[in-house]
Amino acid sequence: MTTRRQILAGAGAAMAFGALGMPLVANAQSKKTVVLASMGPLTGNFDPTSHTTLGQGNFEKIVFSHLTRAPMEEGKTDILEPDLATSWQIIDEHTIEFKLREGVKFHDGKVFGAEDVKATFEYASDPSRPAASYYPGRVDVEVVDPLTVRIKTGKYGYPASTFWFVSSFLPILSADDVAKPDLLQQRPNGTNAFKYVKTEGDRSYLEANEEYFGGRPKIDEIVYAYVPDANTRVLGLMNGEYHIAERLEPEQYESLLSNNTVAVRKGLSTENKYLHFRCNKAPFDDPRIRLAAAHAIDRDQILELMGDAAVASSCFVSPMKFGYTEIENYPRYDPEASARLLEEAGFPGGAGLPQLEYITSIGFYPKTKEYGELIAAMMMEVGFDVQLTVLEPAAWEQAIYRGGDGQGAGHMCDVGWMTGSPEPDLVLRPNWHSGAALINGVSDPEIDASLDKERGTLDPAERLKVLASETFPLMAAKVPSFSLFSAVNFHGAAKNLKGVYYFPSGPIDLSKADFA
């Protein structure tokens, strides 16, 4: 059996690659084209309410605008800036009013207005939509005038303030498209700086929006290329095939620091990495088995393996999220407690437990295979029998969600959860409220009640107290998922590409970019 120490010692060389001195080829085309090498595939369905996948969401951020924009700089997780809305205010407990920008057009030429916001919010918050769990609940939207809307939650019994931060996350759709779902699925039609042209194989093409309200971008074309292998993304960046590469491995980031033609960046993200337990499937339907697994995992060794790609945190949300706090009862590495819990549950030394399948990806996140092997070895040391299944991103995305049988493949899944807003419920409700629980299938009335309570707390300071003293400690005690660390993003880009903005939630803004 491979021990966790052997895995840790050998992991540093896992992502080595050569040809670091290869020159970056200058863009010789007459039009300015940026080729973006993405780690995530597109789903083929361009309705933003149809999915919760990261690659698709990053792509949609280039096409769609939102009511507000959240820069989410560290220590400033409560700031919103204008986007399609120019101002906003809370009218009463159940009403937020947004004043909208005048003169904006969708890519198909339709003039943007209040009816589009109404159609979008009411459609996206419909519980029947696959991504509805992202949002606090169903809403009604009152059209006050063509450029004023009021988001209203009174009929549904929770405060409208929960949509304050969500306003920076929900892509605004055309009311005409919402009325024609088949058309909405076929092509994205937004108001942002670039508009969709076509998809050919693993590449999708976008062109500059001549009528963008923020000014016509200087980049003429974006090619959004799905490149699942991290080494291929980096080699393509160095030889000039790609101008931006997402999700570098930490060794790649370090190696590129001295490259003359490539600029690299790193930044704390809004994402935590989770080991999700299938709570609706034996043996993880027993909280004692979940807690035993958590106590078997030494997160310090995972952090040592990850290097600059991870930051220690004992919370269910990232430090970039509203409500982040270190949880005192968060499960710590304790093999003796793990063994004791297994015995209490009727599996002394792991005897009688089934083999557990642990599903992870390769090429999407840094070092998932390496720390997956480390976690499997740690769990086996206390008596668990773990089989690690490593999948390419497209197959992994199919496997991690619960699907038609309601349970999902395997027993554990390695998944991150990154959303473009400081709002913690964008993470909490899709993952741990029984109305959604998209991956782990947890159904726990106490967790549901606590999540409903924090969502329904109007005063932000009081909401912080509920999260810190009730919701997070309860989740730590029942551990439906084990948060491993907060993730750091690494990007590489052509050194002559300036003005790129990297959101801590993953998307890349090229509206002000240009080649120097």
Protein backbone atom coordinates (compact mmCIF):
# COMPACT_ATOMS: atom_id res chain seq x y z
CA MET A 1 0.00 0.00 0.00
CA THR A 2 1.27 3.47 -0.86
CA THR A 3 1.47 5.64 2.22
CA ARG A 4 0.50 9.29 2.36
CA ARG A 5 4.14 10.19 3.10
CA GLN A 6 5.28 8.52 -0.13
CA ILE A 7 2.59 10.33 -2.10
CA LEU A 8 3.52 13.67 -0.55
CA ALA A 9 7.22 13.18 -1.24
CA GLY A 10 6.71 12.29 -4.90
CA ALA A 11 4.00 14.75 -5.84
CA GLY A 12 6.28 17.72 -6.51
CA ALA A 13 7.47 16.26 -9.79
CA ALA A 14 4.01 15.25 -11.01
CA MET A 15 3.43 18.32 -13.18
CA ALA A 16 6.89 18.83 -14.66
CA PHE A 17 7.02 20.03 -18.25
CA GLY A 18 9.68 21.13 -20.68
CA ALA A 19 10.36 23.70 -23.39
CA LEU A 20 10.23 26.65 -21.00
CA GLY A 21 12.41 28.70 -23.32
CA MET A 22 10.05 28.54 -26.29
CA PRO A 23 9.29 32.05 -27.61
CA LEU A 24 5.78 33.41 -27.71
CA VAL A 25 4.74 33.98 -31.30
CA ALA A 26 3.33 37.45 -31.90
CA ASN A 27 -0.22 37.76 -33.16
CA ALA A 28 0.24 38.31 -36.88
CA GLN A 29 -3.45 38.60 -37.77
CA SER A 30 -4.83 41.96 -38.85
CA LYS A 31 -7.65 41.69 -36.35
CA LYS A 32 -6.88 41.44 -32.66
CA THR A 33 -7.76 37.92 -31.51
CA VAL A 34 -7.39 36.52 -28.00
CA VAL A 35 -7.40 32.72 -27.71
CA LEU A 36 -8.38 31.74 -24.18
CA ALA A 37 -7.49 28.17 -23.15
CA SER A 38 -10.18 27.10 -20.67
CA MET A 39 -10.11 24.14 -18.32
CA GLY A 40 -13.90 23.69 -18.46
CA PRO A 41 -16.09 22.38 -21.30
CA LEU A 42 -19.26 24.09 -22.48
CA THR A 43 -22.48 22.16 -21.98
CA GLY A 44 -24.02 22.95 -25.39
CA ASN A 45 -27.00 24.56 -23.64
CA PHE A 46 -26.62 28.35 -23.46
CA ASP A 47 -29.49 28.95 -21.02
CA PRO A 48 -27.69 30.13 -17.84
CA THR A 49 -30.47 28.66 -15.69
CA SER A 50 -29.83 25.16 -17.09
CA HIS A 51 -26.60 24.36 -15.24
CA THR A 52 -24.20 25.09 -12.37
CA THR A 53 -20.96 24.27 -14.21
CA LEU A 54 -17.93 26.54 -13.87
CA GLY A 55 -16.59 26.48 -17.44
CA GLN A 56 -19.99 27.35 -18.87
CA GLY A 57 -20.48 30.08 -16.28
CA ASN A 58 -17.09 31.64 -17.08
CA PHE A 59 -17.99 31.71 -20.76
CA GLU A 60 -21.40 33.29 -20.08
CA LYS A 61 -19.76 36.08 -18.04
CA ILE A 62 -18.17 37.29 -21.31
CA VAL A 63 -21.55 37.50 -23.05
CA PHE A 64 -24.07 38.48 -20.38
CA SER A 65 -24.20 41.52 -18.11
CA HIS A 66 -25.70 41.66 -14.62
CA LEU A 67 -27.55 44.31 -12.65
CA THR A 68 -24.44 44.96 -10.56
CA ARG A 69 -20.77 44.02 -10.53
CA ALA A 70 -18.94 42.63 -7.46
CA PRO A 71 -15.15 43.05 -7.66
CA MET A 72 -14.80 40.93 -4.47
CA GLU A 73 -11.35 42.07 -3.48
CA GLU A 74 -10.03 40.47 -0.30
CA GLY A 75 -11.35 42.34 2.71
CA LYS A 76 -13.97 44.10 0.55
CA THR A 77 -16.64 41.45 0.13
CA ASP A 78 -19.57 43.85 0.60
CA ILE A 79 -19.00 46.17 -2.38
CA LEU A 80 -21.26 46.37 -5.44
CA GLU A 81 -20.65 48.52 -8.51
CA PRO A 82 -23.06 49.55 -11.31
CA ASP A 83 -23.53 47.39 -14.37
CA LEU A 84 -26.99 47.27 -15.97
CA ALA A 85 -28.33 49.00 -12.87
CA THR A 86 -27.09 52.48 -12.00
CA SER A 87 -28.45 52.58 -8.44
CA TRP A 88 -30.35 50.40 -5.98
CA GLN A 89 -31.98 50.71 -2.57
CA ILE A 90 -33.95 48.63 -0.07
CA ILE A 91 -37.50 49.99 0.03
CA ASP A 92 -38.73 47.69 2.79
CA GLU A 93 -38.00 44.22 4.16
CA HIS A 94 -39.42 42.52 1.07
CA THR A 95 -38.55 45.02 -1.68
CA ILE A 96 -35.36 46.15 -3.45
CA GLU A 97 -35.58 48.80 -6.18
CA PHE A 98 -33.13 48.99 -9.09
CA LYS A 99 -32.77 51.93 -11.47
CA LEU A 100 -31.63 50.67 -14.88
CA ARG A 101 -29.16 51.98 -17.42
CA GLU A 102 -30.68 53.69 -20.46
CA GLY A 103 -29.67 53.00 -24.07
CA VAL A 104 -28.45 49.41 -23.66
CA LYS A 105 -29.09 46.88 -26.41
CA PHE A 106 -28.97 43.10 -26.52
CA HIS A 107 -26.73 41.54 -29.14
CA ASP A 108 -29.77 40.83 -31.34
CA GLY A 109 -30.65 44.57 -31.34
CA LYS A 110 -33.48 44.50 -28.78
CA VAL A 111 -33.45 47.48 -26.38
CA PHE A 112 -32.88 46.45 -22.76
CA GLY A 113 -35.43 47.45 -20.15
CA ALA A 114 -37.38 46.56 -17.04
CA GLU A 115 -39.33 43.74 -18.71
CA ASP A 116 -36.07 41.86 -19.29
CA VAL A 117 -35.16 42.02 -15.59
CA LYS A 118 -38.65 40.85 -14.65
CA ALA A 119 -38.50 37.92 -17.08
CA THR A 120 -35.00 36.93 -15.95
CA PHE A 121 -35.54 37.00 -12.19
CA GLU A 122 -38.90 35.25 -12.29
CA TYR A 123 -37.61 32.60 -14.71
CA ALA A 124 -34.29 31.92 -12.92
CA SER A 125 -35.91 31.70 -9.48
CA ASP A 126 -38.51 29.18 -10.67
CA PRO A 127 -37.83 26.05 -8.56
CA SER A 128 -38.16 23.88 -11.67
CA ARG A 129 -35.02 25.39 -13.23
CA PRO A 130 -31.82 23.34 -12.72
CA ALA A 131 -29.90 26.34 -11.36
CA ALA A 132 -32.75 27.62 -9.14
CA SER A 133 -30.88 26.47 -6.03
CA TYR A 134 -28.39 29.28 -6.64
CA TYR A 135 -31.03 31.83 -5.71
CA PRO A 136 -32.63 32.56 -2.33
CA GLY A 137 -36.11 31.62 -3.53
CA ARG A 138 -38.87 32.55 -5.90
CA VAL A 139 -39.41 36.28 -6.52
CA ASP A 140 -41.90 38.55 -8.19
CA VAL A 141 -40.73 41.62 -10.08
CA GLU A 142 -42.78 44.79 -10.33
CA VAL A 143 -42.15 46.98 -13.38
CA VAL A 144 -42.44 50.52 -12.03
CA ASP A 145 -41.48 52.15 -15.35
CA PRO A 146 -39.34 51.08 -18.34
CA LEU A 147 -36.13 51.69 -16.37
CA THR A 148 -37.19 50.87 -12.79
CA VAL A 149 -37.92 47.48 -11.24
CA ARG A 150 -38.71 46.26 -7.75
CA ILE A 151 -37.65 42.77 -6.64
CA LYS A 152 -40.37 41.55 -4.26
CA THR A 153 -40.27 38.55 -1.91
CA GLY A 154 -43.21 39.26 0.41
CA LYS A 155 -45.36 36.50 -1.04
CA TYR A 156 -42.63 33.96 -0.26
CA GLY A 157 -41.74 34.98 3.29
CA TYR A 158 -38.06 35.87 3.18
CA PRO A 159 -36.25 39.24 2.98
CA ALA A 160 -35.45 40.80 -0.37
CA SER A 161 -32.01 41.76 0.94
CA THR A 162 -30.86 38.22 0.08
CA PHE A 163 -30.88 39.36 -3.57
CA TRP A 164 -28.57 42.30 -2.81
CA PHE A 165 -25.38 40.40 -3.65
CA VAL A 166 -27.09 37.96 -6.02
CA SER A 167 -27.72 40.91 -8.34
CA SER A 168 -24.05 40.63 -9.39
CA PHE A 169 -24.39 36.94 -10.26
CA LEU A 170 -27.64 36.41 -12.20
CA PRO A 171 -27.06 36.98 -15.96
CA ILE A 172 -29.75 39.24 -17.43
CA LEU A 173 -31.62 37.60 -20.32
CA SER A 174 -33.85 39.08 -22.99
CA ALA A 175 -37.55 38.71 -22.21
CA ASP A 176 -38.02 37.60 -25.82
CA ASP A 177 -35.56 34.74 -25.27
CA VAL A 178 -37.17 33.68 -21.99
CA ALA A 179 -40.42 33.38 -23.92
CA LYS A 180 -38.67 31.04 -26.39
CA PRO A 181 -36.64 28.55 -24.31
CA ASP A 182 -35.54 26.54 -27.36
CA LEU A 183 -33.92 29.65 -28.86
CA LEU A 184 -32.39 30.58 -25.50
CA GLN A 185 -30.67 27.20 -25.32
CA GLN A 186 -29.19 27.47 -28.82
CA ARG A 187 -27.21 30.70 -28.48
CA PRO A 188 -26.38 33.23 -25.72
CA ASN A 189 -27.82 36.70 -26.33
CA GLY A 190 -26.55 39.20 -23.78
CA THR A 191 -25.57 42.86 -23.50
CA ASN A 192 -21.88 42.51 -22.59
CA ALA A 193 -18.75 43.53 -24.49
CA PHE A 194 -18.55 40.42 -26.70
CA LYS A 195 -21.28 38.60 -28.60
CA TYR A 196 -21.48 34.96 -29.55
CA VAL A 197 -20.83 33.94 -33.16
CA LYS A 198 -20.51 30.15 -33.36
CA THR A 199 -19.13 26.95 -31.86
CA GLU A 200 -16.96 24.55 -33.81
CA GLY A 201 -15.86 21.47 -31.93
CA ASP A 202 -14.10 22.54 -28.72
CA ARG A 203 -13.84 26.19 -29.78
CA SER A 204 -16.46 28.92 -29.44
CA TYR A 205 -16.05 32.26 -31.22
CA LEU A 206 -17.10 35.70 -29.99
CA GLU A 207 -16.76 39.12 -31.60
CA ALA A 208 -16.63 42.65 -30.23
CA ASN A 209 -19.99 44.24 -29.49
CA GLU A 210 -19.94 47.49 -31.48
CA GLU A 211 -22.74 48.93 -29.34
CA TYR A 212 -21.49 47.90 -25.90
CA PHE A 213 -22.60 50.50 -23.34
CA GLY A 214 -19.11 50.54 -21.84
CA GLY A 215 -17.47 51.34 -25.17
CA ARG A 216 -16.46 49.08 -28.04
CA PRO A 217 -13.65 46.73 -26.85
CA LYS A 218 -10.27 46.98 -28.54
CA ILE A 219 -10.05 43.21 -28.90
CA ASP A 220 -11.92 42.15 -32.04
CA GLU A 221 -12.38 38.45 -31.36
CA ILE A 222 -12.21 35.92 -28.53
CA VAL A 223 -11.72 32.23 -29.23
CA TYR A 224 -12.83 30.28 -26.16
CA ALA A 225 -11.01 26.95 -26.42
CA TYR A 226 -11.66 23.94 -24.19
CA VAL A 227 -8.23 22.48 -23.35
CA PRO A 228 -8.62 19.93 -20.55
CA ASP A 229 -4.91 19.20 -20.00
CA ALA A 230 -2.96 21.74 -17.92
CA ASN A 231 0.36 21.00 -19.64
CA THR A 232 -1.20 21.52 -23.07
CA ARG A 233 -2.61 24.87 -21.94
CA VAL A 234 0.81 26.05 -20.75
CA LEU A 235 2.75 24.81 -23.78
CA GLY A 236 0.19 26.48 -26.07
CA LEU A 237 0.60 29.69 -24.08
CA MET A 238 4.38 29.64 -24.52
CA ASN A 239 4.34 28.89 -28.26
CA GLY A 240 1.72 31.56 -29.01
CA GLU A 241 -1.25 29.30 -29.77
CA TYR A 242 -3.04 30.65 -26.68
CA HIS A 243 -2.95 34.15 -25.18
CA ILE A 244 -4.47 33.22 -21.81
CA ALA A 245 -4.32 29.90 -19.94
CA GLU A 246 -6.61 29.19 -17.00
CA ARG A 247 -5.87 27.09 -13.92
CA LEU A 248 -2.12 26.71 -13.99
CA GLU A 249 -0.58 24.19 -11.64
CA PRO A 250 1.56 25.81 -8.90
CA GLU A 251 4.79 24.37 -10.40
CA GLN A 252 3.86 25.83 -13.76
CA TYR A 253 3.24 29.21 -12.15
CA GLU A 254 6.67 29.12 -10.47
CA SER A 255 8.42 28.05 -13.68
CA LEU A 256 6.80 30.82 -15.72
CA LEU A 257 7.79 33.60 -13.32
CA SER A 258 11.08 33.99 -15.19
CA ASN A 259 9.62 33.63 -18.70
CA ASN A 260 10.15 36.76 -20.82
CA THR A 261 7.01 36.42 -22.95
CA VAL A 262 4.45 35.23 -20.40
CA ALA A 263 2.96 37.11 -17.44
CA VAL A 264 1.51 35.11 -14.55
CA ARG A 265 -0.81 36.03 -11.71
CA LYS A 266 -2.27 34.38 -8.64
CA GLY A 267 -5.14 35.37 -6.40
CA LEU A 268 -7.33 33.95 -3.67
CA SER A 269 -10.62 32.78 -5.18
CA THR A 270 -14.21 32.60 -3.99
CA GLU A 271 -13.90 28.81 -4.15
CA ASN A 272 -13.39 26.17 -1.50
CA LYS A 273 -12.54 22.57 -2.44
CA TYR A 274 -14.81 19.96 -0.88
CA LEU A 275 -14.82 16.25 -0.34
CA HIS A 276 -18.55 15.61 -0.74
CA PHE A 277 -19.97 12.51 0.92
CA ARG A 278 -22.99 10.90 -0.74
CA CYS A 279 -25.20 11.33 2.33
CA ASN A 280 -28.11 9.48 0.69
CA LYS A 281 -26.06 6.31 0.19
CA ALA A 282 -24.61 3.86 2.73
CA PRO A 283 -22.32 4.10 4.59
CA PHE A 284 -22.27 7.93 4.48
CA ASP A 285 -25.93 8.15 5.41
CA ASP A 286 -24.52 7.77 8.96
CA PRO A 287 -22.96 11.06 10.22
CA ARG A 288 -20.54 9.05 12.37
CA ILE A 289 -18.97 7.51 9.25
CA ARG A 290 -18.67 10.93 7.62
CA LEU A 291 -17.03 12.34 10.75
CA ALA A 292 -14.70 9.33 10.93
CA ALA A 293 -13.59 10.02 7.36
CA ALA A 294 -13.00 13.71 8.15
CA HIS A 295 -10.93 12.89 11.24
CA ALA A 296 -8.79 10.54 9.11
CA ILE A 297 -7.67 13.38 6.81
CA ASP A 298 -4.62 15.46 7.71
CA ARG A 299 -5.31 18.73 5.90
CA ASP A 300 -1.88 20.10 6.81
CA GLN A 301 -0.30 17.51 4.52
CA ILE A 302 -2.71 18.46 1.73
CA LEU A 303 -1.72 22.11 2.16
CA GLU A 304 1.96 21.13 2.05
CA LEU A 305 1.30 19.28 -1.21
CA MET A 306 -0.70 22.17 -2.71
CA GLY A 307 1.85 24.87 -1.90
CA ASP A 308 0.71 28.30 -3.13
CA ALA A 309 -2.44 26.82 -4.69
CA ALA A 310 -4.30 26.54 -1.36
CA VAL A 311 -4.97 28.53 1.80
CA ALA A 312 -5.92 26.92 5.09
CA SER A 313 -9.51 27.54 6.18
CA SER A 314 -11.92 25.78 8.52
CA CYS A 315 -15.19 27.01 7.10
CA PHE A 316 -17.70 26.00 4.45
CA VAL A 317 -17.17 29.18 2.42
CA SER A 318 -14.11 31.06 1.16
CA PRO A 319 -12.65 34.12 2.94
CA MET A 320 -13.86 36.03 -0.14
CA LYS A 321 -17.47 35.35 0.90
CA PHE A 322 -19.72 37.27 3.28
CA GLY A 323 -19.98 35.32 6.53
CA TYR A 324 -16.60 33.59 6.47
CA THR A 325 -15.41 32.59 9.93
CA GLU A 326 -13.11 29.94 11.38
CA ILE A 327 -15.27 27.24 13.02
CA GLU A 328 -14.06 26.00 16.42
CA ASN A 329 -15.59 22.51 16.14
CA TYR A 330 -14.45 21.93 12.55
CA PRO A 331 -13.14 18.31 12.31
CA ARG A 332 -9.40 18.10 12.96
CA TYR A 333 -7.01 15.31 12.07
CA ASP A 334 -7.53 12.68 14.80
CA PRO A 335 -7.04 9.02 13.78
CA GLU A 336 -8.02 7.83 17.26
CA ALA A 337 -11.36 9.64 17.06
CA SER A 338 -11.83 8.21 13.57
CA ALA A 339 -11.26 4.65 14.84
CA ARG A 340 -13.61 5.21 17.78
CA LEU A 341 -16.41 6.49 15.53
CA LEU A 342 -16.05 3.52 13.18
CA GLU A 343 -16.37 1.16 16.13
CA GLU A 344 -19.40 3.03 17.48
CA ALA A 345 -21.05 2.72 14.08
CA GLY A 346 -20.50 -1.05 14.06
CA PHE A 347 -17.41 -1.20 11.82
CA PRO A 348 -14.42 -1.77 14.13
CA GLY A 349 -11.23 -1.12 12.20
CA GLY A 350 -13.37 -0.63 9.10
CA ALA A 351 -14.47 -4.29 9.08
CA GLY A 352 -17.73 -4.70 7.19
CA LEU A 353 -17.53 -1.40 5.31
CA PRO A 354 -18.02 -1.61 1.54
CA GLN A 355 -15.34 -0.45 -0.88
CA LEU A 356 -15.81 3.30 -1.37
CA GLU A 357 -15.40 4.97 -4.76
CA TYR A 358 -13.83 8.43 -4.61
CA ILE A 359 -14.41 10.41 -7.84
CA THR A 360 -12.04 13.18 -8.83
CA SER A 361 -10.88 15.02 -11.96
CA ILE A 362 -7.61 15.70 -13.72
CA GLY A 363 -6.78 18.89 -15.63
CA PHE A 364 -9.58 20.98 -14.12
CA TYR A 365 -8.15 21.82 -10.68
CA PRO A 366 -4.50 21.70 -9.56
CA LYS A 367 -3.24 18.43 -8.05
CA THR A 368 -6.62 16.73 -7.61
CA LYS A 369 -5.17 13.31 -8.50
CA GLU A 370 -2.20 13.79 -6.18
CA TYR A 371 -4.15 14.87 -3.12
CA GLY A 372 -6.86 12.35 -3.99
CA GLU A 373 -4.25 9.63 -3.65
CA LEU A 374 -3.12 11.20 -0.39
CA ILE A 375 -6.68 11.30 1.03
CA ALA A 376 -7.34 7.70 -0.06
CA ALA A 377 -4.14 6.56 1.68
CA MET A 378 -5.03 8.45 4.86
CA MET A 379 -8.51 6.92 4.98
CA MET A 380 -7.15 3.42 4.34
CA GLU A 381 -4.81 3.80 7.31
CA VAL A 382 -7.81 3.90 9.68
CA GLY A 383 -9.70 1.06 7.96
CA PHE A 384 -11.61 2.51 5.01
CA ASP A 385 -11.26 0.71 1.64
CA VAL A 386 -11.06 3.47 -0.99
CA GLN A 387 -10.87 3.23 -4.78
CA LEU A 388 -9.88 6.47 -6.52
CA THR A 389 -11.51 7.13 -9.92
CA VAL A 390 -9.82 9.90 -11.94
CA LEU A 391 -11.82 11.37 -14.83
CA GLU A 392 -11.35 14.05 -17.50
CA PRO A 393 -13.42 17.19 -16.79
CA ALA A 394 -16.34 16.38 -19.12
CA ALA A 395 -16.82 12.87 -17.69
CA TRP A 396 -16.25 14.12 -14.15
CA GLU A 397 -18.96 16.79 -14.51
CA GLN A 398 -21.38 14.07 -15.62
CA ALA A 399 -20.45 11.89 -12.63
CA ILE A 400 -20.51 14.35 -9.74
CA TYR A 401 -24.16 15.42 -9.92
CA ARG A 402 -26.82 13.14 -8.51
CA GLY A 403 -28.65 12.58 -11.80
CA GLY A 404 -31.82 10.66 -12.43
CA ASP A 405 -31.39 8.03 -9.73
CA GLY A 406 -31.18 10.71 -7.05
CA GLN A 407 -28.01 9.23 -5.55
CA GLY A 408 -25.14 9.75 -7.99
CA ALA A 409 -22.05 7.78 -8.86
CA GLY A 410 -19.56 6.63 -6.23
CA HIS A 411 -19.49 7.50 -2.55
CA MET A 412 -17.27 10.62 -2.42
CA CYS A 413 -16.62 13.41 -4.94
CA ASP A 414 -13.93 16.07 -5.14
CA VAL A 415 -15.69 19.29 -6.18
CA GLY A 416 -15.05 23.01 -5.92
CA TRP A 417 -17.81 25.60 -5.84
CA MET A 418 -17.06 29.05 -7.19
CA THR A 419 -19.67 31.77 -7.62
CA GLY A 420 -19.34 35.39 -8.71
CA SER A 421 -20.89 37.12 -5.74
CA PRO A 422 -20.07 37.59 -2.04
CA GLU A 423 -23.44 35.99 -1.21
CA PRO A 424 -22.77 32.79 0.82
CA ASP A 425 -26.13 31.22 -0.02
CA LEU A 426 -24.90 30.73 -3.61
CA VAL A 427 -22.69 28.05 -2.05
CA LEU A 428 -24.70 26.94 0.97
CA ARG A 429 -28.12 26.23 -0.51
CA PRO A 430 -27.12 24.34 -3.69
CA ASN A 431 -24.82 22.12 -1.68
CA TRP A 432 -26.48 21.50 1.69
CA HIS A 433 -30.17 22.40 1.63
CA SER A 434 -32.32 19.33 1.05
CA GLY A 435 -34.33 21.28 -1.52
CA ALA A 436 -31.26 21.05 -3.76
CA ALA A 437 -28.15 19.22 -2.41
CA LEU A 438 -27.01 18.84 -6.01
CA ILE A 439 -24.09 16.56 -5.20
CA ASN A 440 -24.15 14.99 -1.75
CA GLY A 441 -27.89 14.37 -1.43
CA VAL A 442 -28.01 15.43 2.21
CA SER A 443 -31.51 15.78 3.66
CA ASP A 444 -31.32 17.06 7.21
CA PRO A 445 -34.17 19.09 8.77
CA GLU A 446 -31.84 20.76 11.29
CA ILE A 447 -29.43 21.97 8.60
CA ASP A 448 -32.39 23.11 6.47
CA ALA A 449 -33.85 25.07 9.38
CA SER A 450 -30.55 26.78 10.12
CA LEU A 451 -29.97 27.67 6.46
CA ASP A 452 -33.49 29.10 6.31
CA LYS A 453 -32.86 31.10 9.49
CA GLU A 454 -29.63 32.69 8.27
CA ARG A 455 -31.22 33.50 4.92
CA GLY A 456 -34.19 35.10 6.67
CA THR A 457 -32.12 37.30 9.01
CA LEU A 458 -32.48 40.84 7.70
CA ASP A 459 -29.72 42.64 9.62
CA PRO A 460 -26.28 41.76 8.16
CA ALA A 461 -24.56 41.79 11.56
CA GLU A 462 -27.16 39.43 13.01
CA ARG A 463 -26.88 37.20 9.96
CA LEU A 464 -23.12 36.95 10.52
CA LYS A 465 -23.80 35.82 14.10
CA VAL A 466 -26.25 33.14 12.96
CA LEU A 467 -23.78 31.79 10.42
CA ALA A 468 -20.87 31.80 12.87
CA SER A 469 -22.62 30.50 15.99
CA GLU A 470 -25.34 28.23 14.58
CA THR A 471 -25.22 27.28 10.90
CA PHE A 472 -21.53 26.56 10.40
CA PRO A 473 -21.02 24.72 13.75
CA LEU A 474 -24.06 22.53 12.99
CA MET A 475 -22.69 21.66 9.57
CA ALA A 476 -19.27 20.92 11.08
CA ALA A 477 -20.86 18.50 13.55
CA LYS A 478 -22.77 16.64 10.83
CA VAL A 479 -20.12 17.12 8.10
CA PRO A 480 -22.20 16.34 4.97
CA SER A 481 -19.10 17.56 3.11
CA PHE A 482 -15.56 18.23 4.26
CA SER A 483 -14.06 21.54 3.13
CA LEU A 484 -10.38 20.87 2.43
CA PHE A 485 -9.02 24.38 1.74
CA SER A 486 -9.70 27.69 0.01
CA ALA A 487 -8.37 27.71 -3.54
CA VAL A 488 -5.90 30.10 -5.16
CA ASN A 489 -6.22 30.72 -8.91
CA PHE A 490 -3.20 30.85 -11.23
CA HIS A 491 -3.39 32.32 -14.73
CA GLY A 492 -0.85 32.85 -17.46
CA ALA A 493 -1.14 35.37 -20.30
CA ALA A 494 0.90 36.79 -23.13
CA LYS A 495 3.01 39.56 -21.62
CA ASN A 496 1.90 42.04 -24.29
CA LEU A 497 -1.79 41.53 -23.45
CA LYS A 498 -2.73 44.35 -21.08
CA GLY A 499 -5.90 45.46 -19.29
CA VAL A 500 -7.25 41.98 -18.44
CA TYR A 501 -9.36 41.73 -15.28
CA TYR A 502 -9.48 38.40 -13.45
CA PHE A 503 -12.49 37.91 -11.21
CA PRO A 504 -11.79 35.88 -8.06
CA SER A 505 -14.74 33.73 -9.08
CA GLY A 506 -13.00 32.55 -12.25
CA PRO A 507 -14.31 34.61 -15.20
CA ILE A 508 -12.02 36.88 -17.21
CA ASP A 509 -13.03 40.37 -18.36
CA LEU A 510 -11.47 41.41 -21.66
CA SER A 511 -13.64 44.48 -22.25
CA LYS A 512 -10.69 46.84 -21.55
CA ALA A 513 -7.91 44.57 -22.82
CA ASP A 514 -5.54 45.31 -25.69
CA PHE A 515 -2.20 44.18 -27.09
CA ALA A 516 0.59 46.57 -26.16
